[in-house]
Amino acid sequence: MSRKEERLRGGLIYLKEHRDGKGRWRRFPFYYTLLALTEIPGRQSDDEIRYAAPGLERMLKRKERGDRYDRRRRAVAETLLGRV
């Protein structure tokens, strides 16, 4: 296993240890964490995406605000939900 893969695996384990039980993570900003998960190749981040999926689905059901931040959050949510 390469050093890069080892660090990535360790980071995902650390992230899992910081789950708050509500689909988010303690110490990690929600949308930044989701954006980082979009960059992880393969199936390594699927557990964390599935963990956040109910919150993503709720967010997508809310009324759109239409600003660029809302559009970006929705795009990230749709991308992640499409992966699981």
Foldseek 3Di string as FASTA:
>chain_A
DDPVVVVVLVVLVVQVVQDPQPLAGPPDDRQVVLVVLLVDDDCSCVVSLVSNLVVLVVLVPDDQPPDPVSVVSVVSSVSSVVVD
